Amino acid sequence: MHAASVIMLSWAMIGAACFFSRPLPGVTAGVLAMLVALVGLPHGAADHRYARPRLEPLLGGAWMVVFLAAYVTVAAAIAGGWFVAPAATIVVFFLASAWHFGQEEPRIPLGPPCLRPVFRCARGGLVMWVPLVVHGDEVRATLGLVAPGGSTPAIQQATTLLTACAWIMLPIAAVGWALQGLAARDRGGRMRRVLIADNLLVASLAALFAAASPLVSFPVYFCAWHSVRGLRRLRRELGESWPELAASLAPLTAVAIALIGAASWLVLGGDGWSDTLLRATFVGLSAVAVPHLVLHGIAPVLEASAQRRPRPGFQIGSPA
């Protein structure tokens, strides 16, 4: 049901792009900031709920202190990286996001097991690979608004490297998409419907990324697909209703919005309110996203360590 709604939304945005080829910058920046604040930031603000059952068995009562210290350190490093080393920050942010998005996509077993992580990264990065190839000038212009003045050479270097990566990843994503189509042909029942719906979703999103501005297509993917799916998984894991989950995430979300808002006027100011809003949104989003994806990346290691840890009252060598 969720995939069907995103497919319809994607084609609605594609249709709108045919009539409004150049969206108004102020309106686009405002809508992007609102969607990220209402959906994207809560997705990151849920990280303490996600981290607790994975860190508390290992660290006990100190888990929150360690979590917050590590989270704030990584976030500050990424935010500062936009000003100190913009090229490296852009490359790390894009490649890490592609990997994370791919890990969060449906785990459909296609191709040799050793190549499945590559297929997932190629698919997860479509939201970046396609715009880099089709809307390269607009991507560079947007990054120019986000990074500080004088970063044009660094942005050019970063986007050149990422575009070369995109030309490698796009054929890999196409192969994965074709393999999934062949698998759907050979399957039956519910699995066949799932595979076909997923392929339609990937094709619809890829068409959206090619037809619409990245500032339009990115919120559709990140907010309507990636973040909503992440929140749904967390809600099921915690066994809470949507109002209960929203209430638990509201305080940290509000703090994050306040901090990003304060930084936007004190440090990240642009030439106008729309530039300031766009810069604050992207710098704030990247600062929250990188520690988020690091947490989700090491989660399997934390879970395995917690399972190997002796339970209270149990000593190695004691009789069963």
C-alpha atoms as a PDB file:
ATOM      1  CA  MET A   1       0.000   0.000   0.000  1.00  0.00           C
ATOM      2  CA  HIS A   2       2.830   2.388   0.900  1.00  0.00           C
ATOM      3  CA  ALA A   3       4.703   1.586  -2.314  1.00  0.00           C
ATOM      4  CA  ALA A   4       1.560   2.245  -4.366  1.00  0.00           C
ATOM      5  CA  SER A   5       1.081   5.659  -2.743  1.00  0.00           C
ATOM      6  CA  VAL A   6       4.713   6.626  -3.439  1.00  0.00           C
ATOM      7  CA  ILE A   7       4.360   5.480  -7.055  1.00  0.00           C
ATOM      8  CA  MET A   8       1.304   7.705  -7.501  1.00  0.00           C
ATOM      9  CA  LEU A   9       3.034  10.606  -5.761  1.00  0.00           C
ATOM     10  CA  SER A  10       6.084  10.207  -7.999  1.00  0.00           C
ATOM     11  CA  TRP A  11       4.038  10.363 -11.182  1.00  0.00           C
ATOM     12  CA  ALA A  12       2.055  13.314  -9.852  1.00  0.00           C
ATOM     13  CA  MET A  13       5.356  15.147  -9.311  1.00  0.00           C
ATOM     14  CA  ILE A  14       6.543  14.123 -12.775  1.00  0.00           C
ATOM     15  CA  GLY A  15       3.343  15.559 -14.256  1.00  0.00           C
ATOM     16  CA  ALA A  16       3.795  18.761 -12.280  1.00  0.00           C
ATOM     17  CA  ALA A  17       7.390  19.031 -13.502  1.00  0.00           C
ATOM     18  CA  CYS A  18       6.121  19.057 -17.091  1.00  0.00           C
ATOM     19  CA  PHE A  19       4.134  22.235 -16.380  1.00  0.00           C
ATOM     20  CA  PHE A  20       6.435  23.878 -13.835  1.00  0.00           C
ATOM     21  CA  SER A  21       9.948  23.177 -15.072  1.00  0.00           C
ATOM     22  CA  ARG A  22      11.505  25.805 -12.777  1.00  0.00           C
ATOM     23  CA  PRO A  23       9.900  25.750  -9.314  1.00  0.00           C
ATOM     24  CA  LEU A  24      10.025  28.973  -7.313  1.00  0.00           C
ATOM     25  CA  PRO A  25      13.178  28.888  -5.122  1.00  0.00           C
ATOM     26  CA  GLY A  26      11.468  30.300  -2.032  1.00  0.00           C
ATOM     27  CA  VAL A  27       8.534  27.894  -2.243  1.00  0.00           C
ATOM     28  CA  THR A  28      10.824  24.916  -2.906  1.00  0.00           C
ATOM     29  CA  ALA A  29      13.109  25.765   0.006  1.00  0.00           C
ATOM     30  CA  GLY A  30      10.125  26.239   2.326  1.00  0.00           C
ATOM     31  CA  VAL A  31       8.451  22.956   1.372  1.00  0.00           C
ATOM     32  CA  LEU A  32      11.765  21.077   1.625  1.00  0.00           C
ATOM     33  CA  ALA A  33      12.464  22.496   5.087  1.00  0.00           C
ATOM     34  CA  MET A  34       8.929  21.713   6.279  1.00  0.00           C
ATOM     35  CA  LEU A  35       9.023  18.102   5.081  1.00  0.00           C
ATOM     36  CA  VAL A  36      12.444  17.499   6.583  1.00  0.00           C
ATOM     37  CA  ALA A  37      11.324  19.042   9.885  1.00  0.00           C
ATOM     38  CA  LEU A  38       8.067  17.055  10.080  1.00  0.00           C
ATOM     39  CA  VAL A  39       9.250  13.690   8.732  1.00  0.00           C
ATOM     40  CA  GLY A  40      13.017  13.593   8.176  1.00  0.00           C
ATOM     41  CA  LEU A  41      14.174  14.945  11.548  1.00  0.00           C
ATOM     42  CA  PRO A  42      11.775  12.727  13.558  1.00  0.00           C
ATOM     43  CA  HIS A  43      13.316   9.793  11.677  1.00  0.00           C
ATOM     44  CA  GLY A  44      16.694  10.830  13.122  1.00  0.00           C
ATOM     45  CA  ALA A  45      15.243  11.884  16.487  1.00  0.00           C
ATOM     46  CA  ALA A  46      14.133   8.268  16.943  1.00  0.00           C
ATOM     47  CA  ASP A  47      17.754   7.125  17.129  1.00  0.00           C
ATOM     48  CA  HIS A  48      17.890   7.130  20.936  1.00  0.00           C
ATOM     49  CA  ARG A  49      14.891   4.766  20.956  1.00  0.00           C
ATOM     50  CA  TYR A  50      16.643   2.583  18.373  1.00  0.00           C
ATOM     51  CA  ALA A  51      19.991   2.702  20.204  1.00  0.00           C
ATOM     52  CA  ARG A  52      18.834   1.853  23.715  1.00  0.00           C
ATOM     53  CA  PRO A  53      18.072  -1.877  23.290  1.00  0.00           C
ATOM     54  CA  ARG A  54      21.375  -2.256  21.425  1.00  0.00           C
ATOM     55  CA  LEU A  55      23.645  -0.236  23.722  1.00  0.00           C
ATOM     56  CA  GLU A  56      22.146  -0.750  27.183  1.00  0.00           C
ATOM     57  CA  PRO A  57      22.982  -4.486  27.353  1.00  0.00           C
ATOM     58  CA  LEU A  58      26.620  -3.578  26.648  1.00  0.00           C
ATOM     59  CA  LEU A  59      27.065  -0.314  28.561  1.00  0.00           C
ATOM     60  CA  GLY A  60      24.413  -0.443  31.255  1.00  0.00           C
ATOM     61  CA  GLY A  61      23.276   2.896  32.637  1.00  0.00           C
ATOM     62  CA  ALA A  62      26.053   4.758  30.793  1.00  0.00           C
ATOM     63  CA  TRP A  63      24.558   4.006  27.387  1.00  0.00           C
ATOM     64  CA  MET A  64      22.851   7.394  27.020  1.00  0.00           C
ATOM     65  CA  VAL A  65      26.000   9.384  27.856  1.00  0.00           C
ATOM     66  CA  VAL A  66      28.059   7.396  25.347  1.00  0.00           C
ATOM     67  CA  PHE A  67      25.347   7.623  22.709  1.00  0.00           C
ATOM     68  CA  LEU A  68      24.893  11.387  23.033  1.00  0.00           C
ATOM     69  CA  ALA A  69      28.646  12.079  23.136  1.00  0.00           C
ATOM     70  CA  ALA A  70      29.307  10.031  20.012  1.00  0.00           C
ATOM     71  CA  TYR A  71      26.251  11.396  18.185  1.00  0.00           C
ATOM     72  CA  VAL A  72      27.057  15.044  18.898  1.00  0.00           C
ATOM     73  CA  THR A  73      30.748  14.561  18.026  1.00  0.00           C
ATOM     74  CA  VAL A  74      29.986  13.062  14.601  1.00  0.00           C
ATOM     75  CA  ALA A  75      27.268  15.648  13.902  1.00  0.00           C
ATOM     76  CA  ALA A  76      29.592  18.532  14.804  1.00  0.00           C
ATOM     77  CA  ALA A  77      32.376  17.076  12.640  1.00  0.00           C
ATOM     78  CA  ILE A  78      30.066  16.861   9.616  1.00  0.00           C
ATOM     79  CA  ALA A  79      28.638  20.358  10.130  1.00  0.00           C
ATOM     80  CA  GLY A  80      32.148  21.774  10.466  1.00  0.00           C
ATOM     81  CA  GLY A  81      33.303  19.754   7.464  1.00  0.00           C
ATOM     82  CA  TRP A  82      31.133  21.846   5.134  1.00  0.00           C
ATOM     83  CA  PHE A  83      33.365  24.821   6.012  1.00  0.00           C
ATOM     84  CA  VAL A  84      36.747  23.146   6.599  1.00  0.00           C
ATOM     85  CA  ALA A  85      36.775  20.394   3.940  1.00  0.00           C
ATOM     86  CA  PRO A  86      33.676  20.745   1.718  1.00  0.00           C
ATOM     87  CA  ALA A  87      34.862  18.363  -1.013  1.00  0.00           C
ATOM     88  CA  ALA A  88      35.556  15.486   1.390  1.00  0.00           C
ATOM     89  CA  THR A  89      32.335  16.186   3.300  1.00  0.00           C
ATOM     90  CA  ILE A  90      30.219  16.106   0.139  1.00  0.00           C
ATOM     91  CA  VAL A  91      31.783  12.852  -1.082  1.00  0.00           C
ATOM     92  CA  VAL A  92      31.492  11.144   2.312  1.00  0.00           C
ATOM     93  CA  PHE A  93      27.912  12.333   2.769  1.00  0.00           C
ATOM     94  CA  PHE A  94      26.779  11.184  -0.687  1.00  0.00           C
ATOM     95  CA  LEU A  95      28.504   7.790  -0.625  1.00  0.00           C
ATOM     96  CA  ALA A  96      27.504   7.030   2.980  1.00  0.00           C
ATOM     97  CA  SER A  97      23.911   8.019   2.212  1.00  0.00           C
ATOM     98  CA  ALA A  98      23.812   5.758  -0.853  1.00  0.00           C
ATOM     99  CA  TRP A  99      25.061   2.843   1.238  1.00  0.00           C
ATOM    100  CA  HIS A 100      22.589   3.557   4.046  1.00  0.00           C
ATOM    101  CA  PHE A 101      19.617   4.028   1.713  1.00  0.00           C
ATOM    102  CA  GLY A 102      20.501   0.731   0.046  1.00  0.00           C
ATOM    103  CA  GLN A 103      20.687  -1.093   3.383  1.00  0.00           C
ATOM    104  CA  GLU A 104      17.226   0.219   4.276  1.00  0.00           C
ATOM    105  CA  GLU A 105      15.636  -0.859   0.983  1.00  0.00           C
ATOM    106  CA  PRO A 106      13.674  -4.145   0.853  1.00  0.00           C
ATOM    107  CA  ARG A 107      16.061  -7.085   1.200  1.00  0.00           C
ATOM    108  CA  ILE A 108      15.210  -9.016  -1.968  1.00  0.00           C
ATOM    109  CA  PRO A 109      17.774 -11.803  -2.606  1.00  0.00           C
ATOM    110  CA  LEU A 110      18.963 -11.271  -6.172  1.00  0.00           C
ATOM    111  CA  GLY A 111      22.173 -12.348  -7.856  1.00  0.00           C
ATOM    112  CA  PRO A 112      25.256 -13.837  -6.167  1.00  0.00           C
ATOM    113  CA  PRO A 113      25.372 -13.127  -2.410  1.00  0.00           C
ATOM    114  CA  CYS A 114      28.721 -11.346  -2.753  1.00  0.00           C
ATOM    115  CA  LEU A 115      27.182  -8.804  -5.159  1.00  0.00           C
ATOM    116  CA  ARG A 116      23.972  -8.084  -3.261  1.00  0.00           C
ATOM    117  CA  PRO A 117      25.483  -5.246  -1.174  1.00  0.00           C
ATOM    118  CA  VAL A 118      26.634  -3.607  -4.426  1.00  0.00           C
ATOM    119  CA  PHE A 119      23.160  -3.931  -5.936  1.00  0.00           C
ATOM    120  CA  ARG A 120      21.632  -2.412  -2.804  1.00  0.00           C
ATOM    121  CA  CYS A 121      24.076   0.517  -2.807  1.00  0.00           C
ATOM    122  CA  ALA A 122      23.419   1.141  -6.504  1.00  0.00           C
ATOM    123  CA  ARG A 123      19.678   1.121  -5.920  1.00  0.00           C
ATOM    124  CA  GLY A 124      19.756   3.167  -2.728  1.00  0.00           C
ATOM    125  CA  GLY A 125      21.903   5.811  -4.391  1.00  0.00           C
ATOM    126  CA  LEU A 126      19.578   6.355  -7.358  1.00  0.00           C
ATOM    127  CA  VAL A 127      18.305   9.510  -5.641  1.00  0.00           C
ATOM    128  CA  MET A 128      21.855  10.863  -6.125  1.00  0.00           C
ATOM    129  CA  TRP A 129      23.196   8.976  -9.165  1.00  0.00           C
ATOM    130  CA  VAL A 130      20.394  10.053 -11.512  1.00  0.00           C
ATOM    131  CA  PRO A 131      20.439  13.788 -10.608  1.00  0.00           C
ATOM    132  CA  LEU A 132      24.249  13.872 -10.835  1.00  0.00           C
ATOM    133  CA  VAL A 133      24.043  12.619 -14.425  1.00  0.00           C
ATOM    134  CA  VAL A 134      20.860  14.380 -15.586  1.00  0.00           C
ATOM    135  CA  HIS A 135      20.875  17.542 -13.449  1.00  0.00           C
ATOM    136  CA  GLY A 136      24.571  17.969 -12.788  1.00  0.00           C
ATOM    137  CA  ASP A 137      24.547  21.771 -13.095  1.00  0.00           C
ATOM    138  CA  GLU A 138      21.626  22.092 -10.674  1.00  0.00           C
ATOM    139  CA  VAL A 139      23.285  19.755  -8.162  1.00  0.00           C
ATOM    140  CA  ARG A 140      26.461  21.871  -8.284  1.00  0.00           C
ATOM    141  CA  ALA A 141      24.431  25.071  -7.932  1.00  0.00           C
ATOM    142  CA  THR A 142      22.595  23.688  -4.895  1.00  0.00           C
ATOM    143  CA  LEU A 143      25.826  22.577  -3.259  1.00  0.00           C
ATOM    144  CA  GLY A 144      27.215  26.034  -4.004  1.00  0.00           C
ATOM    145  CA  LEU A 145      24.412  27.524  -1.917  1.00  0.00           C
ATOM    146  CA  VAL A 146      25.079  25.103   0.929  1.00  0.00           C
ATOM    147  CA  ALA A 147      28.884  25.298   1.101  1.00  0.00           C
ATOM    148  CA  PRO A 148      30.588  28.555   2.116  1.00  0.00           C
ATOM    149  CA  GLY A 149      31.791  31.078  -0.427  1.00  0.00           C
ATOM    150  CA  GLY A 150      34.934  30.172  -2.330  1.00  0.00           C
ATOM    151  CA  SER A 151      34.115  26.455  -2.378  1.00  0.00           C
ATOM    152  CA  THR A 152      33.472  26.268  -6.125  1.00  0.00           C
ATOM    153  CA  PRO A 153      36.689  24.302  -6.935  1.00  0.00           C
ATOM    154  CA  ALA A 154      35.987  21.853  -4.097  1.00  0.00           C
ATOM    155  CA  ILE A 155      32.398  21.370  -5.263  1.00  0.00           C
ATOM    156  CA  GLN A 156      33.600  20.762  -8.826  1.00  0.00           C
ATOM    157  CA  GLN A 157      36.095  18.143  -7.637  1.00  0.00           C
ATOM    158  CA  ALA A 158      33.509  16.394  -5.477  1.00  0.00           C
ATOM    159  CA  THR A 159      30.781  16.309  -8.125  1.00  0.00           C
ATOM    160  CA  THR A 160      33.234  15.129 -10.804  1.00  0.00           C
ATOM    161  CA  LEU A 161      34.202  12.169  -8.624  1.00  0.00           C
ATOM    162  CA  LEU A 162      30.605  11.426  -7.668  1.00  0.00           C
ATOM    163  CA  THR A 163      29.409  11.672 -11.287  1.00  0.00           C
ATOM    164  CA  ALA A 164      32.045   9.123 -12.323  1.00  0.00           C
ATOM    165  CA  CYS A 165      30.742   6.889  -9.533  1.00  0.00           C
ATOM    166  CA  ALA A 166      27.180   7.463 -10.775  1.00  0.00           C
ATOM    167  CA  TRP A 167      28.075   6.256 -14.270  1.00  0.00           C
ATOM    168  CA  ILE A 168      29.334   3.025 -12.675  1.00  0.00           C
ATOM    169  CA  MET A 169      26.416   2.556 -10.321  1.00  0.00           C
ATOM    170  CA  LEU A 170      23.596   3.266 -12.765  1.00  0.00           C
ATOM    171  CA  PRO A 171      24.297   0.198 -14.977  1.00  0.00           C
ATOM    172  CA  ILE A 172      24.615  -1.932 -11.832  1.00  0.00           C
ATOM    173  CA  ALA A 173      21.226  -0.669 -10.635  1.00  0.00           C
ATOM    174  CA  ALA A 174      19.781  -1.451 -14.079  1.00  0.00           C
ATOM    175  CA  VAL A 175      21.132  -5.007 -13.900  1.00  0.00           C
ATOM    176  CA  GLY A 176      19.616  -5.458 -10.444  1.00  0.00           C
ATOM    177  CA  TRP A 177      16.289  -4.115 -11.708  1.00  0.00           C
ATOM    178  CA  ALA A 178      16.371  -6.521 -14.683  1.00  0.00           C
ATOM    179  CA  LEU A 179      17.243  -9.496 -12.470  1.00  0.00           C
ATOM    180  CA  GLN A 180      14.294  -8.665 -10.256  1.00  0.00           C
ATOM    181  CA  GLY A 181      12.033  -8.529 -13.304  1.00  0.00           C
ATOM    182  CA  LEU A 182      13.230 -11.968 -14.386  1.00  0.00           C
ATOM    183  CA  ALA A 183      12.679 -13.278 -10.861  1.00  0.00           C
ATOM    184  CA  ALA A 184       9.108 -11.936 -10.924  1.00  0.00           C
ATOM    185  CA  ARG A 185       8.463 -13.750 -14.182  1.00  0.00           C
ATOM    186  CA  ASP A 186       9.536 -17.059 -12.630  1.00  0.00           C
ATOM    187  CA  ARG A 187       7.669 -16.621  -9.342  1.00  0.00           C
ATOM    188  CA  GLY A 188       4.001 -16.839  -8.566  1.00  0.00           C
ATOM    189  CA  GLY A 189       1.461 -15.671  -6.027  1.00  0.00           C
ATOM    190  CA  ARG A 190       2.262 -12.949  -3.498  1.00  0.00           C
ATOM    191  CA  MET A 191       6.022 -12.958  -4.178  1.00  0.00           C
ATOM    192  CA  ARG A 192       5.442 -12.164  -7.820  1.00  0.00           C
ATOM    193  CA  ARG A 193       3.174  -9.243  -6.921  1.00  0.00           C
ATOM    194  CA  VAL A 194       5.744  -7.925  -4.430  1.00  0.00           C
ATOM    195  CA  LEU A 195       8.564  -8.088  -6.973  1.00  0.00           C
ATOM    196  CA  ILE A 196       6.510  -6.382  -9.684  1.00  0.00           C
ATOM    197  CA  ALA A 197       5.326  -3.630  -7.318  1.00  0.00           C
ATOM    198  CA  ASP A 198       8.877  -3.033  -6.118  1.00  0.00           C
ATOM    199  CA  ASN A 199      10.182  -2.813  -9.687  1.00  0.00           C
ATOM    200  CA  LEU A 200       7.412  -0.350 -10.559  1.00  0.00           C
ATOM    201  CA  LEU A 201       8.416   1.713  -7.529  1.00  0.00           C
ATOM    202  CA  VAL A 202      12.097   1.792  -8.539  1.00  0.00           C
ATOM    203  CA  ALA A 203      11.209   2.724 -12.133  1.00  0.00           C
ATOM    204  CA  SER A 204       8.840   5.461 -10.942  1.00  0.00           C
ATOM    205  CA  LEU A 205      11.403   6.957  -8.582  1.00  0.00           C
ATOM    206  CA  ALA A 206      14.129   6.835 -11.238  1.00  0.00           C
ATOM    207  CA  ALA A 207      11.804   8.636 -13.673  1.00  0.00           C
ATOM    208  CA  LEU A 208      11.060  11.227 -10.984  1.00  0.00           C
ATOM    209  CA  PHE A 209      14.766  11.776 -10.296  1.00  0.00           C
ATOM    210  CA  ALA A 210      15.341  12.333 -14.025  1.00  0.00           C
ATOM    211  CA  ALA A 211      12.313  14.559 -14.707  1.00  0.00           C
ATOM    212  CA  ALA A 212      12.090  16.788 -11.640  1.00  0.00           C
ATOM    213  CA  SER A 213      14.457  19.120  -9.857  1.00  0.00           C
ATOM    214  CA  PRO A 214      16.573  17.380  -7.186  1.00  0.00           C
ATOM    215  CA  LEU A 215      15.013  19.737  -4.631  1.00  0.00           C
ATOM    216  CA  VAL A 216      11.630  18.207  -5.551  1.00  0.00           C
ATOM    217  CA  SER A 217      12.584  14.553  -6.036  1.00  0.00           C
ATOM    218  CA  PHE A 218      14.817  14.245  -2.967  1.00  0.00           C
ATOM    219  CA  PRO A 219      12.042  15.081  -0.432  1.00  0.00           C
ATOM    220  CA  VAL A 220       9.703  12.582  -2.113  1.00  0.00           C
ATOM    221  CA  TYR A 221      12.236   9.792  -1.694  1.00  0.00           C
ATOM    222  CA  PHE A 222      13.736  10.781   1.649  1.00  0.00           C
ATOM    223  CA  CYS A 223      10.554  11.830   3.448  1.00  0.00           C
ATOM    224  CA  ALA A 224       7.735   9.884   1.773  1.00  0.00           C
ATOM    225  CA  TRP A 225       9.643   6.618   1.294  1.00  0.00           C
ATOM    226  CA  HIS A 226      12.834   6.243   3.349  1.00  0.00           C
ATOM    227  CA  SER A 227      11.872   8.078   6.550  1.00  0.00           C
ATOM    228  CA  VAL A 228       8.302   6.790   6.709  1.00  0.00           C
ATOM    229  CA  ARG A 229       9.484   3.196   6.303  1.00  0.00           C
ATOM    230  CA  GLY A 230      12.082   3.682   9.034  1.00  0.00           C
ATOM    231  CA  LEU A 231       9.510   5.104  11.437  1.00  0.00           C
ATOM    232  CA  ARG A 232       7.095   2.269  10.663  1.00  0.00           C
ATOM    233  CA  ARG A 233       9.759  -0.340  11.453  1.00  0.00           C
ATOM    234  CA  LEU A 234      10.635   1.387  14.728  1.00  0.00           C
ATOM    235  CA  ARG A 235       6.968   1.648  15.719  1.00  0.00           C
ATOM    236  CA  ARG A 236       6.525  -2.088  15.176  1.00  0.00           C
ATOM    237  CA  GLU A 237       9.717  -2.858  17.097  1.00  0.00           C
ATOM    238  CA  LEU A 238       8.598  -0.748  20.071  1.00  0.00           C
ATOM    239  CA  GLY A 239       4.976  -1.895  19.907  1.00  0.00           C
ATOM    240  CA  GLU A 240       3.645   1.670  20.092  1.00  0.00           C
ATOM    241  CA  SER A 241       0.847   3.493  18.325  1.00  0.00           C
ATOM    242  CA  TRP A 242       1.606   6.378  15.977  1.00  0.00           C
ATOM    243  CA  PRO A 243       0.499   9.018  18.552  1.00  0.00           C
ATOM    244  CA  GLU A 244       2.689   7.407  21.222  1.00  0.00           C
ATOM    245  CA  LEU A 245       5.707   7.337  18.901  1.00  0.00           C
ATOM    246  CA  ALA A 246       5.106  10.935  17.781  1.00  0.00           C
ATOM    247  CA  ALA A 247       4.865  12.111  21.404  1.00  0.00           C
ATOM    248  CA  SER A 248       8.131  10.383  22.314  1.00  0.00           C
ATOM    249  CA  LEU A 249       9.985  11.921  19.355  1.00  0.00           C
ATOM    250  CA  ALA A 250       8.557  15.431  19.618  1.00  0.00           C
ATOM    251  CA  PRO A 251      10.987  16.797  22.271  1.00  0.00           C
ATOM    252  CA  LEU A 252      14.208  15.850  20.452  1.00  0.00           C
ATOM    253  CA  THR A 253      12.732  16.908  17.123  1.00  0.00           C
ATOM    254  CA  ALA A 254      11.893  20.331  18.561  1.00  0.00           C
ATOM    255  CA  VAL A 255      15.409  20.672  20.015  1.00  0.00           C
ATOM    256  CA  ALA A 256      16.966  19.751  16.655  1.00  0.00           C
ATOM    257  CA  ILE A 257      14.802  22.269  14.790  1.00  0.00           C
ATOM    258  CA  ALA A 258      15.673  24.978  17.337  1.00  0.00           C
ATOM    259  CA  LEU A 259      19.411  24.293  17.098  1.00  0.00           C
ATOM    260  CA  ILE A 260      19.358  24.256  13.299  1.00  0.00           C
ATOM    261  CA  GLY A 261      17.265  27.428  13.269  1.00  0.00           C
ATOM    262  CA  ALA A 262      19.665  29.222  15.604  1.00  0.00           C
ATOM    263  CA  ALA A 263      22.693  28.091  13.626  1.00  0.00           C
ATOM    264  CA  SER A 264      21.082  29.183  10.363  1.00  0.00           C
ATOM    265  CA  TRP A 265      20.948  32.806  11.492  1.00  0.00           C
ATOM    266  CA  LEU A 266      24.167  32.903  13.505  1.00  0.00           C
ATOM    267  CA  VAL A 267      26.485  30.919  11.220  1.00  0.00           C
ATOM    268  CA  LEU A 268      24.771  29.657   8.068  1.00  0.00           C
ATOM    269  CA  GLY A 269      23.195  32.848   6.750  1.00  0.00           C
ATOM    270  CA  GLY A 270      22.912  33.128   2.963  1.00  0.00           C
ATOM    271  CA  ASP A 271      22.152  36.012   0.597  1.00  0.00           C
ATOM    272  CA  GLY A 272      18.392  35.726   1.250  1.00  0.00           C
ATOM    273  CA  TRP A 273      15.945  33.870   3.442  1.00  0.00           C
ATOM    274  CA  SER A 274      15.492  31.058   0.905  1.00  0.00           C
ATOM    275  CA  ASP A 275      19.270  30.546   0.607  1.00  0.00           C
ATOM    276  CA  THR A 276      19.606  30.592   4.390  1.00  0.00           C
ATOM    277  CA  LEU A 277      16.760  28.089   4.752  1.00  0.00           C
ATOM    278  CA  LEU A 278      18.239  25.804   2.088  1.00  0.00           C
ATOM    279  CA  ARG A 279      21.715  25.921   3.637  1.00  0.00           C
ATOM    280  CA  ALA A 280      20.372  25.291   7.138  1.00  0.00           C
ATOM    281  CA  THR A 281      18.257  22.374   5.896  1.00  0.00           C
ATOM    282  CA  PHE A 282      21.093  20.598   4.099  1.00  0.00           C
ATOM    283  CA  VAL A 283      23.799  21.244   6.684  1.00  0.00           C
ATOM    284  CA  GLY A 284      21.432  20.273   9.506  1.00  0.00           C
ATOM    285  CA  LEU A 285      20.201  17.209   7.638  1.00  0.00           C
ATOM    286  CA  SER A 286      23.720  15.987   6.894  1.00  0.00           C
ATOM    287  CA  ALA A 287      24.805  16.614  10.495  1.00  0.00           C
ATOM    288  CA  VAL A 288      21.957  14.407  11.741  1.00  0.00           C
ATOM    289  CA  ALA A 289      22.079  11.883   8.888  1.00  0.00           C
ATOM    290  CA  VAL A 290      25.697  10.773   9.200  1.00  0.00           C
ATOM    291  CA  PRO A 291      25.555   9.728  12.896  1.00  0.00           C
ATOM    292  CA  HIS A 292      22.166   8.158  12.101  1.00  0.00           C
ATOM    293  CA  LEU A 293      23.586   5.969   9.353  1.00  0.00           C
ATOM    294  CA  VAL A 294      26.670   5.139  11.450  1.00  0.00           C
ATOM    295  CA  LEU A 295      24.360   3.911  14.234  1.00  0.00           C
ATOM    296  CA  HIS A 296      22.325   1.798  11.846  1.00  0.00           C
ATOM    297  CA  GLY A 297      25.507   0.518  10.210  1.00  0.00           C
ATOM    298  CA  ILE A 298      27.004  -0.771  13.461  1.00  0.00           C
ATOM    299  CA  ALA A 299      23.663  -2.009  14.835  1.00  0.00           C
ATOM    300  CA  PRO A 300      24.247  -5.635  13.685  1.00  0.00           C
ATOM    301  CA  VAL A 301      27.633  -5.641  15.468  1.00  0.00           C
ATOM    302  CA  LEU A 302      26.044  -4.257  18.646  1.00  0.00           C
ATOM    303  CA  GLU A 303      23.255  -6.831  18.500  1.00  0.00           C
ATOM    304  CA  ALA A 304      25.716  -9.679  18.017  1.00  0.00           C
ATOM    305  CA  SER A 305      27.867  -8.433  20.915  1.00  0.00           C
ATOM    306  CA  ALA A 306      24.817  -8.161  23.161  1.00  0.00           C
ATOM    307  CA  GLN A 307      23.804 -11.736  22.320  1.00  0.00           C
ATOM    308  CA  ARG A 308      27.295 -13.041  23.145  1.00  0.00           C
ATOM    309  CA  ARG A 309      27.386 -11.154  26.455  1.00  0.00           C
ATOM    310  CA  PRO A 310      26.709 -13.461  29.447  1.00  0.00           C
ATOM    311  CA  ARG A 311      23.316 -12.910  31.029  1.00  0.00           C
ATOM    312  CA  PRO A 312      23.130 -11.626  34.634  1.00  0.00           C
ATOM    313  CA  GLY A 313      23.681 -14.420  37.110  1.00  0.00           C
ATOM    314  CA  PHE A 314      25.367 -16.632  34.562  1.00  0.00           C
ATOM    315  CA  GLN A 315      29.092 -17.376  34.862  1.00  0.00           C
ATOM    316  CA  ILE A 316      31.204 -19.174  32.333  1.00  0.00           C
ATOM    317  CA  GLY A 317      32.030 -22.623  33.637  1.00  0.00           C
ATOM    318  CA  SER A 318      29.129 -22.800  36.090  1.00  0.00           C
ATOM    319  CA  PRO A 319      26.987 -25.946  35.961  1.00  0.00           C
ATOM    320  CA  ALA A 320      23.841 -25.780  33.850  1.00  0.00           C
END
